[in-house]
Amino acid sequence: MGIDWPSTIQSCFRRGAVYVTRHAKREMESEKFGVIFTSELIEAVESLEVLKEYPDDTPFPSALLFGTTHLQRPLHFVAAYSESEKLLTIVTVYQPDPDLWIEYKKRKDK
């Protein structure tokens, strides 16, 4: 059975079992639509939707997720989950470009 991403991620955030990669931190700091603060990521976790799962990713399964902040800022992030360590890794975080996404959930055709 696959990962229940919303509940797993929310549980990891509640327990403090989240690792944000250096890459994700750089992406958050240099986001073209404005800096993404950790507090915004935490807010987006409350309204998570799974856009795509990558169950065969290594070293851990991952997923592309969508959530919005309390001010309705849309965020995408990729997270990987280690079942053995009960640890969530945030691989990247960005604000989706409305020119590339339909309602921030489906990639527009090129």
PDB file of N, CA and C in Angstrom:
ATOM      1  N   MET A   1       0.843  -1.190   0.000  1.00  0.00           N
ATOM      2  CA  MET A   1       0.000   0.000   0.000  1.00  0.00           C
ATOM      3  C   MET A   1       0.881   1.242   0.000  1.00  0.00           C
ATOM      4  N   GLY A   2       0.438   2.304  -0.695  1.00  0.00           N
ATOM      5  CA  GLY A   2       1.202   3.540  -0.801  1.00  0.00           C
ATOM      6  C   GLY A   2       1.135   4.376   0.466  1.00  0.00           C
ATOM      7  N   ILE A   3       1.847   5.447   0.410  1.00  0.00           N
ATOM      8  CA  ILE A   3       1.908   6.373   1.542  1.00  0.00           C
ATOM      9  C   ILE A   3       0.680   7.281   1.531  1.00  0.00           C
ATOM     10  N   ASP A   4       0.092   7.490   2.681  1.00  0.00           N
ATOM     11  CA  ASP A   4      -0.961   8.491   2.833  1.00  0.00           C
ATOM     12  C   ASP A   4      -0.226   9.812   3.071  1.00  0.00           C
ATOM     13  N   TRP A   5       0.104  10.481   1.961  1.00  0.00           N
ATOM     14  CA  TRP A   5       0.973  11.651   2.033  1.00  0.00           C
ATOM     15  C   TRP A   5       0.461  12.748   2.964  1.00  0.00           C
ATOM     16  N   PRO A   6      -0.775  13.210   2.845  1.00  0.00           N
ATOM     17  CA  PRO A   6      -1.192  14.303   3.741  1.00  0.00           C
ATOM     18  C   PRO A   6      -1.027  13.980   5.222  1.00  0.00           C
ATOM     19  N   SER A   7      -1.506  12.839   5.660  1.00  0.00           N
ATOM     20  CA  SER A   7      -1.416  12.539   7.098  1.00  0.00           C
ATOM     21  C   SER A   7       0.029  12.266   7.517  1.00  0.00           C
ATOM     22  N   THR A   8       0.811  11.634   6.647  1.00  0.00           N
ATOM     23  CA  THR A   8       2.216  11.363   6.971  1.00  0.00           C
ATOM     24  C   THR A   8       2.990  12.669   7.112  1.00  0.00           C
ATOM     25  N   ILE A   9       2.781  13.576   6.169  1.00  0.00           N
ATOM     26  CA  ILE A   9       3.494  14.851   6.209  1.00  0.00           C
ATOM     27  C   ILE A   9       3.070  15.675   7.414  1.00  0.00           C
ATOM     28  N   GLN A  10       1.776  15.755   7.655  1.00  0.00           N
ATOM     29  CA  GLN A  10       1.293  16.524   8.793  1.00  0.00           C
ATOM     30  C   GLN A  10       1.828  15.946  10.103  1.00  0.00           C
ATOM     31  N   SER A  11       1.883  14.626  10.199  1.00  0.00           N
ATOM     32  CA  SER A  11       2.425  13.977  11.389  1.00  0.00           C
ATOM     33  C   SER A  11       3.909  14.311  11.569  1.00  0.00           C
ATOM     34  N   CYS A  12       4.663  14.258  10.479  1.00  0.00           N
ATOM     35  CA  CYS A  12       6.098  14.567  10.560  1.00  0.00           C
ATOM     36  C   CYS A  12       6.310  16.013  10.996  1.00  0.00           C
ATOM     37  N   PHE A  13       5.521  16.944  10.453  1.00  0.00           N
ATOM     38  CA  PHE A  13       5.653  18.345  10.865  1.00  0.00           C
ATOM     39  C   PHE A  13       5.309  18.508  12.334  1.00  0.00           C
ATOM     40  N   ARG A  14       4.262  17.841  12.808  1.00  0.00           N
ATOM     41  CA  ARG A  14       3.887  17.938  14.231  1.00  0.00           C
ATOM     42  C   ARG A  14       4.997  17.411  15.131  1.00  0.00           C
ATOM     43  N   ARG A  15       5.659  16.329  14.692  1.00  0.00           N
ATOM     44  CA  ARG A  15       6.714  15.706  15.502  1.00  0.00           C
ATOM     45  C   ARG A  15       8.086  16.350  15.313  1.00  0.00           C
ATOM     46  N   GLY A  16       8.180  17.262  14.359  1.00  0.00           N
ATOM     47  CA  GLY A  16       9.483  17.874  14.087  1.00  0.00           C
ATOM     48  C   GLY A  16      10.417  16.938  13.349  1.00  0.00           C
ATOM     49  N   ALA A  17       9.854  15.949  12.640  1.00  0.00           N
ATOM     50  CA  ALA A  17      10.653  14.957  11.922  1.00  0.00           C
ATOM     51  C   ALA A  17      10.741  15.345  10.440  1.00  0.00           C
ATOM     52  N   VAL A  18      11.226  16.578  10.209  1.00  0.00           N
ATOM     53  CA  VAL A  18      11.304  17.119   8.851  1.00  0.00           C
ATOM     54  C   VAL A  18      12.701  17.650   8.623  1.00  0.00           C
ATOM     55  N   TYR A  19      13.279  17.248   7.503  1.00  0.00           N
ATOM     56  CA  TYR A  19      14.587  17.762   7.086  1.00  0.00           C
ATOM     57  C   TYR A  19      14.380  18.543   5.792  1.00  0.00           C
ATOM     58  N   VAL A  20      14.783  19.795   5.786  1.00  0.00           N
ATOM     59  CA  VAL A  20      14.692  20.632   4.589  1.00  0.00           C
ATOM     60  C   VAL A  20      16.085  20.693   3.974  1.00  0.00           C
ATOM     61  N   THR A  21      16.205  20.207   2.742  1.00  0.00           N
ATOM     62  CA  THR A  21      17.520  20.147   2.098  1.00  0.00           C
ATOM     63  C   THR A  21      18.065  21.553   1.837  1.00  0.00           C
ATOM     64  N   ARG A  22      19.361  21.614   1.642  1.00  0.00           N
ATOM     65  CA  ARG A  22      20.026  22.871   1.294  1.00  0.00           C
ATOM     66  C   ARG A  22      19.427  23.430  -0.004  1.00  0.00           C
ATOM     67  N   HIS A  23      19.171  22.517  -0.951  1.00  0.00           N
ATOM     68  CA  HIS A  23      18.574  22.923  -2.224  1.00  0.00           C
ATOM     69  C   HIS A  23      17.218  23.592  -1.996  1.00  0.00           C
ATOM     70  N   ALA A  24      16.366  22.977  -1.178  1.00  0.00           N
ATOM     71  CA  ALA A  24      15.044  23.542  -0.904  1.00  0.00           C
ATOM     72  C   ALA A  24      15.166  24.907  -0.232  1.00  0.00           C
ATOM     73  N   LYS A  25      16.090  25.046   0.701  1.00  0.00           N
ATOM     74  CA  LYS A  25      16.282  26.335   1.378  1.00  0.00           C
ATOM     75  C   LYS A  25      16.710  27.410   0.390  1.00  0.00           C
ATOM     76  N   ARG A  26      17.616  27.064  -0.530  1.00  0.00           N
ATOM     77  CA  ARG A  26      18.046  28.029  -1.554  1.00  0.00           C
ATOM     78  C   ARG A  26      16.883  28.425  -2.453  1.00  0.00           C
ATOM     79  N   GLU A  27      16.071  27.424  -2.849  1.00  0.00           N
ATOM     80  CA  GLU A  27      14.909  27.714  -3.693  1.00  0.00           C
ATOM     81  C   GLU A  27      13.928  28.637  -2.969  1.00  0.00           C
ATOM     82  N   MET A  28      13.721  28.408  -1.703  1.00  0.00           N
ATOM     83  CA  MET A  28      12.806  29.240  -0.925  1.00  0.00           C
ATOM     84  C   MET A  28      13.330  30.676  -0.829  1.00  0.00           C
ATOM     85  N   GLU A  29      14.625  30.823  -0.646  1.00  0.00           N
ATOM     86  CA  GLU A  29      15.232  32.148  -0.498  1.00  0.00           C
ATOM     87  C   GLU A  29      15.263  32.925  -1.808  1.00  0.00           C
ATOM     88  N   SER A  30      15.334  32.222  -2.943  1.00  0.00           N
ATOM     89  CA  SER A  30      15.499  32.900  -4.230  1.00  0.00           C
ATOM     90  C   SER A  30      14.259  32.790  -5.125  1.00  0.00           C
ATOM     91  N   GLU A  31      13.127  32.428  -4.560  1.00  0.00           N
ATOM     92  CA  GLU A  31      11.886  32.274  -5.329  1.00  0.00           C
ATOM     93  C   GLU A  31      11.571  33.553  -6.094  1.00  0.00           C
ATOM     94  N   LYS A  32      11.288  33.435  -7.390  1.00  0.00           N
ATOM     95  CA  LYS A  32      11.072  34.624  -8.220  1.00  0.00           C
ATOM     96  C   LYS A  32       9.819  35.412  -7.834  1.00  0.00           C
ATOM     97  N   PHE A  33       8.858  34.786  -7.174  1.00  0.00           N
ATOM     98  CA  PHE A  33       7.648  35.487  -6.735  1.00  0.00           C
ATOM     99  C   PHE A  33       7.786  36.025  -5.311  1.00  0.00           C
ATOM    100  N   GLY A  34       8.968  35.903  -4.742  1.00  0.00           N
ATOM    101  CA  GLY A  34       9.223  36.386  -3.387  1.00  0.00           C
ATOM    102  C   GLY A  34       9.629  35.250  -2.465  1.00  0.00           C
ATOM    103  N   VAL A  35      10.411  35.576  -1.485  1.00  0.00           N
ATOM    104  CA  VAL A  35      10.919  34.595  -0.527  1.00  0.00           C
ATOM    105  C   VAL A  35       9.770  33.774   0.050  1.00  0.00           C
ATOM    106  N   ILE A  36       9.999  32.473   0.150  1.00  0.00           N
ATOM    107  CA  ILE A  36       9.037  31.584   0.807  1.00  0.00           C
ATOM    108  C   ILE A  36       9.550  31.342   2.220  1.00  0.00           C
ATOM    109  N   PHE A  37       8.768  31.718   3.184  1.00  0.00           N
ATOM    110  CA  PHE A  37       9.169  31.552   4.574  1.00  0.00           C
ATOM    111  C   PHE A  37       8.763  30.167   5.081  1.00  0.00           C
ATOM    112  N   THR A  38       9.514  29.669   6.043  1.00  0.00           N
ATOM    113  CA  THR A  38       9.215  28.366   6.641  1.00  0.00           C
ATOM    114  C   THR A  38       7.786  28.341   7.169  1.00  0.00           C
ATOM    115  N   SER A  39       7.349  29.439   7.736  1.00  0.00           N
ATOM    116  CA  SER A  39       5.982  29.505   8.262  1.00  0.00           C
ATOM    117  C   SER A  39       4.957  29.291   7.143  1.00  0.00           C
ATOM    118  N   GLU A  40       5.270  29.750   5.921  1.00  0.00           N
ATOM    119  CA  GLU A  40       4.351  29.547   4.802  1.00  0.00           C
ATOM    120  C   GLU A  40       4.306  28.074   4.403  1.00  0.00           C
ATOM    121  N   LEU A  41       5.446  27.424   4.425  1.00  0.00           N
ATOM    122  CA  LEU A  41       5.484  25.985   4.139  1.00  0.00           C
ATOM    123  C   LEU A  41       4.633  25.235   5.163  1.00  0.00           C
ATOM    124  N   ILE A  42       4.774  25.595   6.414  1.00  0.00           N
ATOM    125  CA  ILE A  42       3.994  24.950   7.483  1.00  0.00           C
ATOM    126  C   ILE A  42       2.499  25.180   7.257  1.00  0.00           C
ATOM    127  N   GLU A  43       2.120  26.400   6.862  1.00  0.00           N
ATOM    128  CA  GLU A  43       0.714  26.688   6.573  1.00  0.00           C
ATOM    129  C   GLU A  43       0.206  25.851   5.402  1.00  0.00           C
ATOM    130  N   ALA A  44       1.026  25.723   4.348  1.00  0.00           N
ATOM    131  CA  ALA A  44       0.619  24.978   3.151  1.00  0.00           C
ATOM    132  C   ALA A  44       0.387  23.503   3.462  1.00  0.00           C
ATOM    133  N   VAL A  45       1.089  22.985   4.442  1.00  0.00           N
ATOM    134  CA  VAL A  45       0.948  21.578   4.832  1.00  0.00           C
ATOM    135  C   VAL A  45      -0.462  21.287   5.334  1.00  0.00           C
ATOM    136  N   GLU A  46      -1.139  22.290   5.854  1.00  0.00           N
ATOM    137  CA  GLU A  46      -2.492  22.103   6.385  1.00  0.00           C
ATOM    138  C   GLU A  46      -3.521  21.820   5.289  1.00  0.00           C
ATOM    139  N   SER A  47      -3.208  22.219   4.037  1.00  0.00           N
ATOM    140  CA  SER A  47      -4.181  22.076   2.951  1.00  0.00           C
ATOM    141  C   SER A  47      -3.633  21.221   1.800  1.00  0.00           C
ATOM    142  N   LEU A  48      -2.877  20.223   2.139  1.00  0.00           N
ATOM    143  CA  LEU A  48      -2.153  19.429   1.133  1.00  0.00           C
ATOM    144  C   LEU A  48      -3.016  18.673   0.145  1.00  0.00           C
ATOM    145  N   GLU A  49      -2.553  18.687  -1.088  1.00  0.00           N
ATOM    146  CA  GLU A  49      -3.104  17.827  -2.137  1.00  0.00           C
ATOM    147  C   GLU A  49      -1.928  17.169  -2.838  1.00  0.00           C
ATOM    148  N   VAL A  50      -2.063  15.908  -3.141  1.00  0.00           N
ATOM    149  CA  VAL A  50      -1.028  15.185  -3.871  1.00  0.00           C
ATOM    150  C   VAL A  50      -1.268  15.391  -5.359  1.00  0.00           C
ATOM    151  N   LEU A  51      -0.260  15.949  -6.041  1.00  0.00           N
ATOM    152  CA  LEU A  51      -0.377  16.142  -7.483  1.00  0.00           C
ATOM    153  C   LEU A  51       0.193  14.961  -8.252  1.00  0.00           C
ATOM    154  N   LYS A  52       1.269  14.382  -7.734  1.00  0.00           N
ATOM    155  CA  LYS A  52       1.876  13.232  -8.404  1.00  0.00           C
ATOM    156  C   LYS A  52       2.733  12.474  -7.403  1.00  0.00           C
ATOM    157  N   GLU A  53       2.621  11.151  -7.442  1.00  0.00           N
ATOM    158  CA  GLU A  53       3.441  10.298  -6.585  1.00  0.00           C
ATOM    159  C   GLU A  53       4.551   9.660  -7.406  1.00  0.00           C
ATOM    160  N   TYR A  54       5.668   9.489  -6.764  1.00  0.00           N
ATOM    161  CA  TYR A  54       6.825   8.825  -7.365  1.00  0.00           C
ATOM    162  C   TYR A  54       7.234   7.672  -6.445  1.00  0.00           C
ATOM    163  N   PRO A  55       6.469   6.588  -6.443  1.00  0.00           N
ATOM    164  CA  PRO A  55       6.703   5.491  -5.485  1.00  0.00           C
ATOM    165  C   PRO A  55       8.034   4.773  -5.697  1.00  0.00           C
ATOM    166  N   ASP A  56       8.593   4.867  -6.898  1.00  0.00           N
ATOM    167  CA  ASP A  56       9.839   4.154  -7.182  1.00  0.00           C
ATOM    168  C   ASP A  56      11.074   5.033  -7.054  1.00  0.00           C
ATOM    169  N   ASP A  57      10.912   6.272  -6.598  1.00  0.00           N
ATOM    170  CA  ASP A  57      12.079   7.133  -6.393  1.00  0.00           C
ATOM    171  C   ASP A  57      13.015   6.508  -5.378  1.00  0.00           C
ATOM    172  N   THR A  58      14.287   6.765  -5.557  1.00  0.00           N
ATOM    173  CA  THR A  58      15.274   6.289  -4.598  1.00  0.00           C
ATOM    174  C   THR A  58      16.040   7.484  -4.043  1.00  0.00           C
ATOM    175  N   PRO A  59      16.452   7.443  -2.815  1.00  0.00           N
ATOM    176  CA  PRO A  59      16.388   6.284  -1.936  1.00  0.00           C
ATOM    177  C   PRO A  59      15.026   6.073  -1.266  1.00  0.00           C
ATOM    178  N   PHE A  60      14.094   7.071  -1.419  1.00  0.00           N
ATOM    179  CA  PHE A  60      12.792   6.947  -0.768  1.00  0.00           C
ATOM    180  C   PHE A  60      11.694   7.385  -1.718  1.00  0.00           C
ATOM    181  N   PRO A  61      10.488   6.852  -1.574  1.00  0.00           N
ATOM    182  CA  PRO A  61       9.367   7.315  -2.387  1.00  0.00           C
ATOM    183  C   PRO A  61       9.138   8.810  -2.140  1.00  0.00           C
ATOM    184  N   SER A  62       8.671   9.494  -3.179  1.00  0.00           N
ATOM    185  CA  SER A  62       8.441  10.925  -3.037  1.00  0.00           C
ATOM    186  C   SER A  62       7.140  11.309  -3.724  1.00  0.00           C
ATOM    187  N   ALA A  63       6.792  12.583  -3.579  1.00  0.00           N
ATOM    188  CA  ALA A  63       5.562  13.086  -4.185  1.00  0.00           C
ATOM    189  C   ALA A  63       5.683  14.585  -4.410  1.00  0.00           C
ATOM    190  N   LEU A  64       4.981  15.046  -5.451  1.00  0.00           N
ATOM    191  CA  LEU A  64       4.810  16.478  -5.691  1.00  0.00           C
ATOM    192  C   LEU A  64       3.504  16.866  -5.020  1.00  0.00           C
ATOM    193  N   LEU A  65       3.569  17.868  -4.162  1.00  0.00           N
ATOM    194  CA  LEU A  65       2.421  18.254  -3.353  1.00  0.00           C
ATOM    195  C   LEU A  65       2.078  19.723  -3.553  1.00  0.00           C
ATOM    196  N   PHE A  66       0.815  20.036  -3.317  1.00  0.00           N
ATOM    197  CA  PHE A  66       0.320  21.400  -3.464  1.00  0.00           C
ATOM    198  C   PHE A  66      -0.418  21.797  -2.196  1.00  0.00           C
ATOM    199  N   GLY A  67      -0.194  23.023  -1.782  1.00  0.00           N
ATOM    200  CA  GLY A  67      -0.924  23.567  -0.646  1.00  0.00           C
ATOM    201  C   GLY A  67      -0.929  25.073  -0.742  1.00  0.00           C
ATOM    202  N   THR A  68      -1.788  25.704   0.024  1.00  0.00           N
ATOM    203  CA  THR A  68      -1.842  27.163   0.034  1.00  0.00           C
ATOM    204  C   THR A  68      -1.623  27.679   1.449  1.00  0.00           C
ATOM    205  N   THR A  69      -1.068  28.875   1.506  1.00  0.00           N
ATOM    206  CA  THR A  69      -0.866  29.521   2.797  1.00  0.00           C
ATOM    207  C   THR A  69      -2.191  30.132   3.252  1.00  0.00           C
ATOM    208  N   HIS A  70      -2.182  30.673   4.454  1.00  0.00           N
ATOM    209  CA  HIS A  70      -3.393  31.325   4.966  1.00  0.00           C
ATOM    210  C   HIS A  70      -3.782  32.513   4.097  1.00  0.00           C
ATOM    211  N   LEU A  71      -2.804  33.112   3.401  1.00  0.00           N
ATOM    212  CA  LEU A  71      -3.091  34.241   2.496  1.00  0.00           C
ATOM    213  C   LEU A  71      -3.300  33.761   1.063  1.00  0.00           C
ATOM    214  N   GLN A  72      -3.520  32.455   0.907  1.00  0.00           N
ATOM    215  CA  GLN A  72      -3.812  31.829  -0.388  1.00  0.00           C
ATOM    216  C   GLN A  72      -2.633  31.849  -1.365  1.00  0.00           C
ATOM    217  N   ARG A  73      -1.423  31.926  -0.860  1.00  0.00           N
ATOM    218  CA  ARG A  73      -0.251  31.797  -1.722  1.00  0.00           C
ATOM    219  C   ARG A  73      -0.097  30.319  -2.072  1.00  0.00           C
ATOM    220  N   PRO A  74      -0.065  30.002  -3.369  1.00  0.00           N
ATOM    221  CA  PRO A  74       0.080  28.595  -3.748  1.00  0.00           C
ATOM    222  C   PRO A  74       1.534  28.151  -3.640  1.00  0.00           C
ATOM    223  N   LEU A  75       1.743  26.970  -3.126  1.00  0.00           N
ATOM    224  CA  LEU A  75       3.095  26.411  -3.042  1.00  0.00           C
ATOM    225  C   LEU A  75       3.091  24.972  -3.534  1.00  0.00           C
ATOM    226  N   HIS A  76       4.140  24.629  -4.233  1.00  0.00           N
ATOM    227  CA  HIS A  76       4.433  23.240  -4.583  1.00  0.00           C
ATOM    228  C   HIS A  76       5.657  22.833  -3.791  1.00  0.00           C
ATOM    229  N   PHE A  77       5.682  21.584  -3.396  1.00  0.00           N
ATOM    230  CA  PHE A  77       6.932  21.059  -2.854  1.00  0.00           C
ATOM    231  C   PHE A  77       7.017  19.571  -3.121  1.00  0.00           C
ATOM    232  N   VAL A  78       8.251  19.132  -3.213  1.00  0.00           N
ATOM    233  CA  VAL A  78       8.523  17.714  -3.391  1.00  0.00           C
ATOM    234  C   VAL A  78       9.062  17.204  -2.064  1.00  0.00           C
ATOM    235  N   ALA A  79       8.463  16.124  -1.589  1.00  0.00           N
ATOM    236  CA  ALA A  79       8.867  15.532  -0.324  1.00  0.00           C
ATOM    237  C   ALA A  79       9.131  14.043  -0.520  1.00  0.00           C
ATOM    238  N   ALA A  80      10.106  13.549   0.217  1.00  0.00           N
ATOM    239  CA  ALA A  80      10.421  12.118   0.219  1.00  0.00           C
ATOM    240  C   ALA A  80      10.270  11.629   1.655  1.00  0.00           C
ATOM    241  N   TYR A  81       9.841  10.374   1.806  1.00  0.00           N
ATOM    242  CA  TYR A  81       9.585   9.845   3.148  1.00  0.00           C
ATOM    243  C   TYR A  81      10.322   8.546   3.371  1.00  0.00           C
ATOM    244  N   SER A  82      11.074   8.526   4.465  1.00  0.00           N
ATOM    245  CA  SER A  82      11.767   7.310   4.885  1.00  0.00           C
ATOM    246  C   SER A  82      10.928   6.624   5.956  1.00  0.00           C
ATOM    247  N   GLU A  83      10.330   5.513   5.575  1.00  0.00           N
ATOM    248  CA  GLU A  83       9.504   4.756   6.520  1.00  0.00           C
ATOM    249  C   GLU A  83      10.351   4.249   7.693  1.00  0.00           C
ATOM    250  N   SER A  84      11.556   3.762   7.418  1.00  0.00           N
ATOM    251  CA  SER A  84      12.397   3.194   8.477  1.00  0.00           C
ATOM    252  C   SER A  84      12.825   4.243   9.497  1.00  0.00           C
ATOM    253  N   GLU A  85      13.055   5.473   9.031  1.00  0.00           N
ATOM    254  CA  GLU A  85      13.478   6.545   9.936  1.00  0.00           C
ATOM    255  C   GLU A  85      12.319   7.426  10.388  1.00  0.00           C
ATOM    256  N   LYS A  86      11.138   7.221   9.758  1.00  0.00           N
ATOM    257  CA  LYS A  86       9.965   8.060  10.063  1.00  0.00           C
ATOM    258  C   LYS A  86      10.336   9.542   9.894  1.00  0.00           C
ATOM    259  N   LEU A  87      11.047   9.835   8.783  1.00  0.00           N
ATOM    260  CA  LEU A  87      11.566  11.175   8.531  1.00  0.00           C
ATOM    261  C   LEU A  87      11.126  11.653   7.156  1.00  0.00           C
ATOM    262  N   LEU A  88      10.659  12.888   7.103  1.00  0.00           N
ATOM    263  CA  LEU A  88      10.261  13.527   5.863  1.00  0.00           C
ATOM    264  C   LEU A  88      11.386  14.441   5.407  1.00  0.00           C
ATOM    265  N   THR A  89      11.744  14.343   4.138  1.00  0.00           N
ATOM    266  CA  THR A  89      12.739  15.239   3.564  1.00  0.00           C
ATOM    267  C   THR A  89      12.051  16.121   2.540  1.00  0.00           C
ATOM    268  N   ILE A  90      12.199  17.426   2.711  1.00  0.00           N
ATOM    269  CA  ILE A  90      11.678  18.385   1.739  1.00  0.00           C
ATOM    270  C   ILE A  90      12.793  18.610   0.722  1.00  0.00           C
ATOM    271  N   VAL A  91      12.541  18.188  -0.511  1.00  0.00           N
ATOM    272  CA  VAL A  91      13.553  18.229  -1.567  1.00  0.00           C
ATOM    273  C   VAL A  91      13.603  19.598  -2.231  1.00  0.00           C
ATOM    274  N   THR A  92      12.443  20.151  -2.525  1.00  0.00           N
ATOM    275  CA  THR A  92      12.372  21.496  -3.107  1.00  0.00           C
ATOM    276  C   THR A  92      11.026  22.123  -2.787  1.00  0.00           C
ATOM    277  N   VAL A  93      10.993  23.449  -2.840  1.00  0.00           N
ATOM    278  CA  VAL A  93       9.770  24.218  -2.582  1.00  0.00           C
ATOM    279  C   VAL A  93       9.759  25.384  -3.564  1.00  0.00           C
ATOM    280  N   TYR A  94       8.611  25.644  -4.176  1.00  0.00           N
ATOM    281  CA  TYR A  94       8.514  26.794  -5.079  1.00  0.00           C
ATOM    282  C   TYR A  94       7.062  27.221  -5.215  1.00  0.00           C
ATOM    283  N   GLN A  95       6.888  28.446  -5.682  1.00  0.00           N
ATOM    284  CA  GLN A  95       5.557  28.930  -6.009  1.00  0.00           C
ATOM    285  C   GLN A  95       5.338  28.661  -7.488  1.00  0.00           C
ATOM    286  N   PRO A  96       4.313  27.887  -7.836  1.00  0.00           N
ATOM    287  CA  PRO A  96       4.103  27.558  -9.238  1.00  0.00           C
ATOM    288  C   PRO A  96       3.746  28.794 -10.068  1.00  0.00           C
ATOM    289  N   ASP A  97       4.303  28.854 -11.248  1.00  0.00           N
ATOM    290  CA  ASP A  97       4.064  29.948 -12.174  1.00  0.00           C
ATOM    291  C   ASP A  97       2.691  29.752 -12.822  1.00  0.00           C
ATOM    292  N   PRO A  98       1.782  30.726 -12.696  1.00  0.00           N
ATOM    293  CA  PRO A  98       0.442  30.565 -13.273  1.00  0.00           C
ATOM    294  C   PRO A  98       0.465  30.428 -14.793  1.00  0.00           C
ATOM    295  N   ASP A  99       1.542  30.857 -15.440  1.00  0.00           N
ATOM    296  CA  ASP A  99       1.662  30.689 -16.888  1.00  0.00           C
ATOM    297  C   ASP A  99       1.956  29.238 -17.272  1.00  0.00           C
ATOM    298  N   LEU A 100       2.394  28.440 -16.297  1.00  0.00           N
ATOM    299  CA  LEU A 100       2.763  27.049 -16.569  1.00  0.00           C
ATOM    300  C   LEU A 100       1.786  26.033 -15.997  1.00  0.00           C
ATOM    301  N   TRP A 101       0.884  26.481 -15.122  1.00  0.00           N
ATOM    302  CA  TRP A 101      -0.014  25.564 -14.410  1.00  0.00           C
ATOM    303  C   TRP A 101      -1.464  26.006 -14.535  1.00  0.00           C
ATOM    304  N   ILE A 102      -2.360  25.054 -14.618  1.00  0.00           N
ATOM    305  CA  ILE A 102      -3.792  25.309 -14.595  1.00  0.00           C
ATOM    306  C   ILE A 102      -4.248  25.173 -13.144  1.00  0.00           C
ATOM    307  N   GLU A 103      -4.744  26.266 -12.585  1.00  0.00           N
ATOM    308  CA  GLU A 103      -5.161  26.301 -11.179  1.00  0.00           C
ATOM    309  C   GLU A 103      -4.082  25.755 -10.252  1.00  0.00           C
ATOM    310  N   TYR A 104      -2.834  25.868 -10.673  1.00  0.00           N
ATOM    311  CA  TYR A 104      -1.652  25.457  -9.914  1.00  0.00           C
ATOM    312  C   TYR A 104      -1.567  23.951  -9.690  1.00  0.00           C
ATOM    313  N   LYS A 105      -2.439  23.184 -10.334  1.00  0.00           N
ATOM    314  CA  LYS A 105      -2.503  21.752 -10.070  1.00  0.00           C
ATOM    315  C   LYS A 105      -2.172  20.880 -11.263  1.00  0.00           C
ATOM    316  N   LYS A 106      -2.360  21.405 -12.469  1.00  0.00           N
ATOM    317  CA  LYS A 106      -2.112  20.609 -13.677  1.00  0.00           C
ATOM    318  C   LYS A 106      -1.213  21.404 -14.604  1.00  0.00           C
ATOM    319  N   ARG A 107      -0.151  20.758 -15.058  1.00  0.00           N
ATOM    320  CA  ARG A 107       0.806  21.409 -15.953  1.00  0.00           C
ATOM    321  C   ARG A 107       0.129  21.704 -17.284  1.00  0.00           C
ATOM    322  N   LYS A 108       0.295  22.950 -17.762  1.00  0.00           N
ATOM    323  CA  LYS A 108      -0.249  23.320 -19.071  1.00  0.00           C
ATOM    324  C   LYS A 108       0.544  22.641 -20.178  1.00  0.00           C
ATOM    325  N   ASP A 109      -0.137  22.343 -21.259  1.00  0.00           N
ATOM    326  CA  ASP A 109       0.547  21.797 -22.420  1.00  0.00           C
ATOM    327  C   ASP A 109       1.453  22.870 -23.002  1.00  0.00           C
ATOM    328  N   LYS A 110       2.571  22.410 -23.523  1.00  0.00           N
ATOM    329  CA  LYS A 110       3.539  23.364 -24.106  1.00  0.00           C
ATOM    330  C   LYS A 110       3.144  23.773 -25.489  1.00  0.00           C
TER     331      LYS A 110
END
